[in-house]
Amino acid sequence: MLLLLLRGVDTVMAAEQRSSGIELSTQVTEFIVGGAIPVKILYRNISPVRVEFKEPPKTWEMRFRVVRGETSPEDRPFGRMSSYTTSTGIERRTVEAAKLIRLDPRQEATFDDDIGTRWPELFSPGVVRVRVVDLHDELWRTASNQLTWRIVFKLESVDHLLAILANVKSTSDAKQFAMKWLITLKPNFHFDVERDDAATTHANVIALDNYRKWWTEIRNSDSVAKQLAAINRR
């Protein structure tokens, strides 16, 4: 998938002199629940002067926006946050380091990411509208054109969701999302996403193993086919 971001930004230029925009395009419009959604972001300087800005995918101001139906937009910043404790015992949070990008007129810079793996909780079955929003300049905020994607729950989705629960690096939101859809297929499934003590971890491993065995036995059954069809009609 290609996200094409055209940007000509110079804070000393008057607003009417700026020549820039964001174009979002892709060759694929259907993705599966829990699966990868690889994106490429291309920045092109179409102003007549050199521009400088922090690496967009590592900044808080660069957002991926998802809208479902008539609900409010959900934004996720591309920049990752981390926590640390100072020498005085105070806990601080900081965005990952972003290098400075310099582009002469007509020069380009590209960045890759996998938004499906980063934020699986944004992509439930159904139709979503997506775009990239750039908030670097408070006086000149801009967004890409909007694309419409269809998210489908397929047999492979279960494998992806189980992998999310098994991955210790998965976020709480991602695990809650995985639990929600795995329980839809198997209501008696239980996985504790809150505690991480030894006993809970052991119980979770057993729960995942039992789910995998159960899924191997019934994944190609008519009952599962009907369940998936019902989920995708929502």
Protein backbone atom coordinates (compact mmCIF):
# COMPACT_ATOMS: atom_id res chain seq x y z
CA MET A 1 0.00 0.00 0.00
CA LEU A 2 1.22 3.50 -0.75
CA LEU A 3 0.48 6.59 1.28
CA LEU A 4 1.67 9.50 -0.84
CA LEU A 5 2.20 12.62 1.24
CA LEU A 6 3.00 15.81 -0.66
CA ARG A 7 4.30 18.48 1.67
CA GLY A 8 5.83 21.88 1.07
CA VAL A 9 6.26 23.41 4.52
CA ASP A 10 8.25 26.44 5.53
CA THR A 11 7.15 28.32 8.62
CA VAL A 12 8.42 31.63 7.21
CA MET A 13 6.23 31.33 4.12
CA ALA A 14 2.84 33.03 4.11
CA ALA A 15 -0.10 30.62 4.11
CA GLU A 16 -1.15 31.67 0.61
CA GLN A 17 2.36 30.96 -0.70
CA ARG A 18 2.46 27.36 0.49
CA SER A 19 2.09 24.71 -2.16
CA SER A 20 1.51 21.33 -0.58
CA GLY A 21 -0.97 18.57 0.14
CA ILE A 22 -1.37 14.96 1.15
CA GLU A 23 -2.40 12.21 -1.23
CA LEU A 24 -3.31 8.77 0.07
CA SER A 25 -3.48 5.87 -2.37
CA THR A 26 -3.45 2.08 -2.25
CA GLN A 27 -3.77 -0.86 -4.60
CA VAL A 28 -5.59 -2.90 -1.94
CA THR A 29 -8.87 -1.99 -0.27
CA GLU A 30 -9.58 -5.17 1.71
CA PHE A 31 -7.69 -6.42 4.77
CA ILE A 32 -8.30 -9.13 7.35
CA VAL A 33 -8.92 -8.71 11.06
CA GLY A 34 -5.67 -8.96 13.02
CA GLY A 35 -3.55 -9.02 9.86
CA ALA A 36 -0.81 -6.77 8.54
CA ILE A 37 -1.59 -3.47 6.82
CA PRO A 38 1.75 -2.27 5.45
CA VAL A 39 1.91 1.38 4.45
CA LYS A 40 4.44 3.59 2.72
CA ILE A 41 4.49 7.33 3.40
CA LEU A 42 6.15 9.53 0.83
CA TYR A 43 6.97 13.14 1.63
CA ARG A 44 7.70 15.41 -1.34
CA ASN A 45 8.77 19.03 -1.08
CA ILE A 46 6.79 20.92 -3.71
CA SER A 47 7.65 24.36 -2.38
CA PRO A 48 10.35 26.52 -4.03
CA VAL A 49 12.59 26.47 -0.95
CA ARG A 50 14.34 23.87 1.22
CA VAL A 51 12.17 22.59 4.07
CA GLU A 52 13.15 21.00 7.37
CA PHE A 53 10.95 18.89 9.66
CA LYS A 54 11.26 16.04 12.12
CA GLU A 55 10.94 12.50 10.79
CA PRO A 56 7.11 12.22 10.59
CA PRO A 57 6.64 8.53 11.58
CA LYS A 58 8.47 9.20 14.84
CA THR A 59 6.56 12.30 15.90
CA TRP A 60 3.41 12.78 17.96
CA GLU A 61 2.00 15.20 15.38
CA MET A 62 1.72 12.61 12.61
CA ARG A 63 -1.57 10.71 13.09
CA PHE A 64 -3.37 7.84 11.42
CA ARG A 65 -7.12 8.45 11.54
CA VAL A 66 -9.90 5.86 11.27
CA VAL A 67 -13.63 6.57 11.06
CA ARG A 68 -16.33 3.90 11.26
CA GLY A 69 -19.90 4.80 10.33
CA GLU A 70 -21.07 7.96 12.08
CA THR A 71 -18.76 7.53 15.09
CA SER A 72 -16.07 10.01 16.11
CA PRO A 73 -12.64 9.59 14.49
CA GLU A 74 -10.00 7.50 16.25
CA ASP A 75 -6.47 8.84 15.94
CA ARG A 76 -3.17 7.11 16.66
CA PRO A 77 0.12 9.03 16.72
CA PHE A 78 2.93 7.43 14.77
CA GLY A 79 5.52 8.48 17.37
CA ARG A 80 6.04 5.84 20.07
CA MET A 81 6.05 6.90 23.73
CA SER A 82 8.41 5.48 26.33
CA SER A 83 8.71 5.97 30.09
CA TYR A 84 11.78 6.50 32.24
CA THR A 85 12.57 7.48 35.82
CA THR A 86 14.82 10.44 36.58
CA SER A 87 17.62 10.41 39.16
CA THR A 88 15.21 12.09 41.58
CA GLY A 89 12.64 9.31 41.18
CA ILE A 90 10.22 11.23 38.96
CA GLU A 91 8.65 9.24 36.12
CA ARG A 92 8.73 10.92 32.72
CA ARG A 93 7.36 10.04 29.28
CA THR A 94 9.03 10.93 26.01
CA VAL A 95 8.47 10.40 22.30
CA GLU A 96 11.12 8.37 20.45
CA ALA A 97 13.98 10.33 18.93
CA ALA A 98 13.25 11.65 15.43
CA LYS A 99 15.95 12.78 13.06
CA LEU A 100 15.69 16.04 11.14
CA ILE A 101 14.65 15.68 7.51
CA ARG A 102 15.87 18.27 4.99
CA LEU A 103 14.35 18.34 1.52
CA ASP A 104 15.25 20.61 -1.36
CA PRO A 105 12.50 21.50 -3.85
CA ARG A 106 11.10 18.33 -5.51
CA GLN A 107 13.09 16.03 -3.22
CA GLU A 108 11.31 13.11 -1.53
CA ALA A 109 11.60 11.01 1.62
CA THR A 110 9.76 7.72 2.20
CA PHE A 111 8.83 5.86 5.39
CA ASP A 112 7.30 2.41 5.96
CA ASP A 113 5.07 1.10 8.74
CA ASP A 114 2.56 -1.67 9.42
CA ILE A 115 -0.49 -0.06 10.96
CA GLY A 116 -2.41 -3.34 11.19
CA THR A 117 0.22 -4.84 13.46
CA ARG A 118 0.68 -1.63 15.46
CA TRP A 119 -3.02 -0.92 16.04
CA PRO A 120 -5.13 -4.04 15.36
CA GLU A 121 -7.86 -2.67 17.65
CA LEU A 122 -8.72 -0.03 15.02
CA PHE A 123 -9.75 -2.62 12.47
CA SER A 124 -12.88 -4.56 13.42
CA PRO A 125 -14.93 -6.22 10.67
CA GLY A 126 -16.78 -3.76 8.46
CA VAL A 127 -16.09 -0.63 6.46
CA VAL A 128 -13.68 2.04 7.68
CA ARG A 129 -12.58 5.37 6.26
CA VAL A 130 -8.92 6.21 6.77
CA ARG A 131 -6.51 9.08 6.25
CA VAL A 132 -3.25 10.55 7.48
CA VAL A 133 -3.38 13.80 9.46
CA ASP A 134 -0.38 16.09 9.85
CA LEU A 135 -0.47 18.40 12.88
CA HIS A 136 3.12 19.69 12.73
CA ASP A 137 1.99 23.25 12.17
CA GLU A 138 -0.84 24.35 14.50
CA LEU A 139 -1.76 27.17 12.11
CA TRP A 140 -1.69 24.92 9.08
CA ARG A 141 -3.02 21.47 9.74
CA THR A 142 -3.51 19.23 6.74
CA ALA A 143 -4.86 15.80 5.96
CA SER A 144 -4.77 13.33 3.12
CA ASN A 145 -7.66 12.38 0.91
CA GLN A 146 -9.90 9.76 2.46
CA LEU A 147 -9.86 6.07 1.49
CA THR A 148 -12.48 3.43 2.21
CA TRP A 149 -11.35 -0.03 3.29
CA ARG A 150 -13.28 -3.21 4.02
CA ILE A 151 -12.05 -5.26 6.99
CA VAL A 152 -13.01 -8.95 6.83
CA PHE A 153 -12.92 -11.67 9.47
CA LYS A 154 -11.40 -14.77 7.87
CA LEU A 155 -10.09 -18.11 9.12
CA GLU A 156 -6.58 -16.65 9.30
CA SER A 157 -7.85 -13.93 11.61
CA VAL A 158 -8.06 -16.41 14.48
CA ASP A 159 -4.38 -17.28 14.09
CA HIS A 160 -3.47 -13.58 14.11
CA LEU A 161 -5.58 -12.90 17.20
CA LEU A 162 -4.07 -15.82 19.10
CA ALA A 163 -0.62 -14.51 18.18
CA ILE A 164 -1.54 -11.10 19.62
CA LEU A 165 -2.43 -12.70 22.96
CA ALA A 166 0.74 -14.78 22.96
CA ASN A 167 2.98 -11.78 22.27
CA VAL A 168 4.17 -10.19 25.52
CA LYS A 169 4.76 -6.92 23.63
CA SER A 170 1.12 -6.58 22.55
CA THR A 171 -0.64 -3.60 24.07
CA SER A 172 -3.57 -3.96 26.46
CA ASP A 173 -5.89 -2.51 23.80
CA ALA A 174 -4.71 -5.06 21.24
CA LYS A 175 -5.20 -7.95 23.68
CA GLN A 176 -8.68 -6.78 24.65
CA PHE A 177 -9.53 -6.59 20.95
CA ALA A 178 -8.22 -10.10 20.33
CA MET A 179 -10.18 -11.44 23.32
CA LYS A 180 -13.40 -9.85 22.10
CA TRP A 181 -13.33 -11.62 18.73
CA LEU A 182 -11.96 -14.94 19.96
CA ILE A 183 -14.78 -15.11 22.51
CA THR A 184 -17.28 -14.42 19.73
CA LEU A 185 -16.35 -17.81 18.27
CA LYS A 186 -15.76 -19.63 21.57
CA PRO A 187 -17.76 -17.99 24.41
CA ASN A 188 -16.16 -20.06 27.20
CA PHE A 189 -12.63 -18.92 26.28
CA HIS A 190 -10.83 -17.05 29.07
CA PHE A 191 -7.49 -15.25 28.94
CA ASP A 192 -6.39 -12.88 31.73
CA VAL A 193 -4.98 -9.71 30.14
CA GLU A 194 -4.61 -7.84 33.44
CA ARG A 195 -2.30 -9.94 35.63
CA ASP A 196 1.16 -11.24 34.78
CA ASP A 197 2.06 -13.38 37.78
CA ALA A 198 3.44 -16.89 37.24
CA ALA A 199 0.15 -18.68 37.89
CA THR A 200 -1.79 -16.43 35.49
CA THR A 201 0.86 -16.74 32.80
CA HIS A 202 0.74 -20.53 33.07
CA ALA A 203 -3.07 -20.54 32.88
CA ASN A 204 -2.96 -18.26 29.83
CA VAL A 205 -0.53 -20.57 28.03
CA ILE A 206 -2.87 -23.51 28.64
CA ALA A 207 -5.88 -21.45 27.48
CA LEU A 208 -4.14 -20.55 24.22
CA ASP A 209 -3.06 -24.12 23.62
CA ASN A 210 -6.61 -25.40 24.19
CA TYR A 211 -8.01 -22.78 21.84
CA ARG A 212 -5.56 -23.75 19.10
CA LYS A 213 -6.50 -27.42 19.45
CA TRP A 214 -10.19 -26.61 19.37
CA TRP A 215 -9.74 -24.36 16.35
CA THR A 216 -7.74 -26.98 14.43
CA GLU A 217 -10.62 -29.40 14.86
CA ILE A 218 -13.49 -27.14 13.79
CA ARG A 219 -12.05 -24.38 11.60
CA ASN A 220 -13.24 -25.98 8.35
CA SER A 221 -16.69 -26.89 9.62
CA ASP A 222 -19.99 -25.55 8.28
CA SER A 223 -20.78 -24.00 11.66
CA VAL A 224 -17.65 -21.86 11.55
CA ALA A 225 -18.38 -20.79 7.99
CA LYS A 226 -21.82 -19.59 9.14
CA GLN A 227 -20.31 -17.76 12.12
CA LEU A 228 -17.80 -15.93 9.95
CA ALA A 229 -20.48 -15.00 7.45
CA ALA A 230 -22.62 -13.59 10.26
CA ILE A 231 -19.68 -11.57 11.65
CA ASN A 232 -18.93 -10.06 8.25
CA ARG A 233 -22.56 -9.04 7.73
CA ARG A 234 -22.50 -6.76 10.77
